Amino acid sequence: MTTWVPRTDGGRPEGRYCAHGEQPDPPPAAAGGCRECAAAGKRWVRLLMCLTCGHLGCCDSSPGAHATAHYEKSGHPVARSAEPGEDWAWCYADEVYLRQR
């Protein structure tokens, strides 16, 4: 079990609360990047991994915004950066950036 808490800046001036901080350790992420982008012949900017199911999707700066689309379809609230050296997550439900406690 991993605990996530809002980052100091939280992505919001008032630093929001997140009700989804307790996340089970996710299954391994799918290999190879954003499958939806790959299938469409598009490139992604950054990858996010769903902490509920391990889905690997591209960020909102990518043409497909497939990580957000996954949240909208599945309701899985938290995705973490899958980029090497990055240790942050985004809670779609509470709209706040998170860090590991």
C-alpha atoms as a PDB file:
ATOM      1  CA  MET A   1       0.000   0.000   0.000  1.00  0.00           C
ATOM      2  CA  THR A   2       1.331   3.410  -0.971  1.00  0.00           C
ATOM      3  CA  THR A   3       0.156   6.635   0.629  1.00  0.00           C
ATOM      4  CA  TRP A   4      -0.072   9.759  -1.484  1.00  0.00           C
ATOM      5  CA  VAL A   5      -0.614  13.258  -0.084  1.00  0.00           C
ATOM      6  CA  PRO A   6      -1.142  16.597  -1.838  1.00  0.00           C
ATOM      7  CA  ARG A   7       2.103  18.274  -2.860  1.00  0.00           C
ATOM      8  CA  THR A   8       2.968  21.493  -1.081  1.00  0.00           C
ATOM      9  CA  ASP A   9       1.726  23.491  -4.047  1.00  0.00           C
ATOM     10  CA  GLY A  10      -0.944  20.879  -4.744  1.00  0.00           C
ATOM     11  CA  GLY A  11      -1.335  22.315  -8.185  1.00  0.00           C
ATOM     12  CA  ARG A  12      -3.757  24.759  -6.592  1.00  0.00           C
ATOM     13  CA  PRO A  13      -3.044  27.934  -4.591  1.00  0.00           C
ATOM     14  CA  GLU A  14      -5.061  26.706  -1.614  1.00  0.00           C
ATOM     15  CA  GLY A  15      -3.518  23.195  -1.714  1.00  0.00           C
ATOM     16  CA  ARG A  16      -6.464  20.830  -2.022  1.00  0.00           C
ATOM     17  CA  TYR A  17      -7.429  17.753  -0.041  1.00  0.00           C
ATOM     18  CA  CYS A  18      -7.369  14.344  -1.718  1.00  0.00           C
ATOM     19  CA  ALA A  19      -9.667  11.535  -0.630  1.00  0.00           C
ATOM     20  CA  HIS A  20      -7.766   8.953  -2.700  1.00  0.00           C
ATOM     21  CA  GLY A  21      -4.350   8.984  -1.004  1.00  0.00           C
ATOM     22  CA  GLU A  22      -4.359   5.359   0.065  1.00  0.00           C
ATOM     23  CA  GLN A  23      -3.641   3.407  -3.103  1.00  0.00           C
ATOM     24  CA  PRO A  24      -2.785  -0.268  -3.375  1.00  0.00           C
ATOM     25  CA  ASP A  25       0.479  -1.023  -5.123  1.00  0.00           C
ATOM     26  CA  PRO A  26      -0.593  -1.246  -8.784  1.00  0.00           C
ATOM     27  CA  PRO A  27       0.009  -4.176 -11.064  1.00  0.00           C
ATOM     28  CA  PRO A  28       2.992  -3.768 -13.390  1.00  0.00           C
ATOM     29  CA  ALA A  29       2.416  -1.176 -16.090  1.00  0.00           C
ATOM     30  CA  ALA A  30       1.832  -2.303 -19.625  1.00  0.00           C
ATOM     31  CA  ALA A  31       5.089  -2.267 -21.569  1.00  0.00           C
ATOM     32  CA  GLY A  32       5.709  -0.203 -24.655  1.00  0.00           C
ATOM     33  CA  GLY A  33       3.997   3.088 -23.900  1.00  0.00           C
ATOM     34  CA  CYS A  34       0.545   4.371 -24.744  1.00  0.00           C
ATOM     35  CA  ARG A  35      -1.164   1.617 -26.727  1.00  0.00           C
ATOM     36  CA  GLU A  36      -3.885   3.943 -27.988  1.00  0.00           C
ATOM     37  CA  CYS A  37      -1.314   6.367 -29.454  1.00  0.00           C
ATOM     38  CA  ALA A  38       0.737   3.529 -30.921  1.00  0.00           C
ATOM     39  CA  ALA A  39      -2.355   2.085 -32.613  1.00  0.00           C
ATOM     40  CA  ALA A  40      -3.154   5.503 -34.125  1.00  0.00           C
ATOM     41  CA  GLY A  41       0.437   6.111 -35.222  1.00  0.00           C
ATOM     42  CA  LYS A  42       0.802   9.087 -32.867  1.00  0.00           C
ATOM     43  CA  ARG A  43       3.559  10.029 -30.426  1.00  0.00           C
ATOM     44  CA  TRP A  44       3.077  10.915 -26.792  1.00  0.00           C
ATOM     45  CA  VAL A  45       4.756  13.577 -24.636  1.00  0.00           C
ATOM     46  CA  ARG A  46       4.628  11.939 -21.189  1.00  0.00           C
ATOM     47  CA  LEU A  47       3.157   8.713 -19.806  1.00  0.00           C
ATOM     48  CA  LEU A  48       0.971   8.230 -16.733  1.00  0.00           C
ATOM     49  CA  MET A  49       0.214   4.908 -15.055  1.00  0.00           C
ATOM     50  CA  CYS A  50      -3.168   4.269 -13.448  1.00  0.00           C
ATOM     51  CA  LEU A  51      -2.622   3.240  -9.824  1.00  0.00           C
ATOM     52  CA  THR A  52      -5.756   1.104  -9.853  1.00  0.00           C
ATOM     53  CA  CYS A  53      -5.137  -1.140 -12.851  1.00  0.00           C
ATOM     54  CA  GLY A  54      -1.716  -0.260 -14.322  1.00  0.00           C
ATOM     55  CA  HIS A  55      -3.081   1.224 -17.589  1.00  0.00           C
ATOM     56  CA  LEU A  56      -0.372   3.282 -19.291  1.00  0.00           C
ATOM     57  CA  GLY A  57      -1.718   6.344 -21.084  1.00  0.00           C
ATOM     58  CA  CYS A  58      -0.422   9.599 -22.462  1.00  0.00           C
ATOM     59  CA  CYS A  59      -0.757  12.936 -20.671  1.00  0.00           C
ATOM     60  CA  ASP A  60      -3.030  15.831 -21.618  1.00  0.00           C
ATOM     61  CA  SER A  61      -0.159  17.502 -23.519  1.00  0.00           C
ATOM     62  CA  SER A  62      -0.179  14.531 -25.890  1.00  0.00           C
ATOM     63  CA  PRO A  63      -2.570  14.457 -28.873  1.00  0.00           C
ATOM     64  CA  GLY A  64      -4.762  11.701 -27.416  1.00  0.00           C
ATOM     65  CA  ALA A  65      -4.849  12.555 -23.675  1.00  0.00           C
ATOM     66  CA  HIS A  66      -5.436   8.833 -23.119  1.00  0.00           C
ATOM     67  CA  ALA A  67      -4.706   8.856 -19.366  1.00  0.00           C
ATOM     68  CA  THR A  68      -7.585  11.300 -18.835  1.00  0.00           C
ATOM     69  CA  ALA A  69      -9.783   9.287 -21.205  1.00  0.00           C
ATOM     70  CA  HIS A  70      -9.014   6.194 -19.108  1.00  0.00           C
ATOM     71  CA  TYR A  71     -10.114   8.016 -15.938  1.00  0.00           C
ATOM     72  CA  GLU A  72     -13.320   9.223 -17.597  1.00  0.00           C
ATOM     73  CA  LYS A  73     -14.149   5.693 -18.778  1.00  0.00           C
ATOM     74  CA  SER A  74     -13.046   3.732 -15.704  1.00  0.00           C
ATOM     75  CA  GLY A  75     -13.394   6.164 -12.794  1.00  0.00           C
ATOM     76  CA  HIS A  76      -9.940   5.146 -11.530  1.00  0.00           C
ATOM     77  CA  PRO A  77      -8.950   8.358  -9.716  1.00  0.00           C
ATOM     78  CA  VAL A  78      -5.129   8.456  -9.456  1.00  0.00           C
ATOM     79  CA  ALA A  79      -2.356   8.110 -12.038  1.00  0.00           C
ATOM     80  CA  ARG A  80       1.349   8.562 -11.379  1.00  0.00           C
ATOM     81  CA  SER A  81       4.066   9.711 -13.743  1.00  0.00           C
ATOM     82  CA  ALA A  82       5.652   6.773 -15.509  1.00  0.00           C
ATOM     83  CA  GLU A  83       8.639   8.863 -16.556  1.00  0.00           C
ATOM     84  CA  PRO A  84      12.068   7.929 -15.172  1.00  0.00           C
ATOM     85  CA  GLY A  85      13.112  10.096 -12.240  1.00  0.00           C
ATOM     86  CA  GLU A  86       9.624  11.558 -11.667  1.00  0.00           C
ATOM     87  CA  ASP A  87       7.772  10.817  -8.433  1.00  0.00           C
ATOM     88  CA  TRP A  88       4.398  12.563  -8.609  1.00  0.00           C
ATOM     89  CA  ALA A  89       0.797  11.606  -9.229  1.00  0.00           C
ATOM     90  CA  TRP A  90      -2.412  13.371 -10.260  1.00  0.00           C
ATOM     91  CA  CYS A  91      -5.810  12.761  -8.686  1.00  0.00           C
ATOM     92  CA  TYR A  92      -8.386  13.326 -11.419  1.00  0.00           C
ATOM     93  CA  ALA A  93     -11.305  13.207  -8.980  1.00  0.00           C
ATOM     94  CA  ASP A  94      -9.944  15.871  -6.615  1.00  0.00           C
ATOM     95  CA  GLU A  95      -7.850  17.731  -9.227  1.00  0.00           C
ATOM     96  CA  VAL A  96      -4.664  17.851  -7.163  1.00  0.00           C
ATOM     97  CA  TYR A  97      -1.017  16.877  -7.623  1.00  0.00           C
ATOM     98  CA  LEU A  98       0.261  14.284  -5.154  1.00  0.00           C
ATOM     99  CA  ARG A  99       3.568  13.100  -3.750  1.00  0.00           C
ATOM    100  CA  GLN A 100       4.380   9.898  -1.875  1.00  0.00           C
ATOM    101  CA  ARG A 101       4.356  10.213   1.885  1.00  0.00           C
END
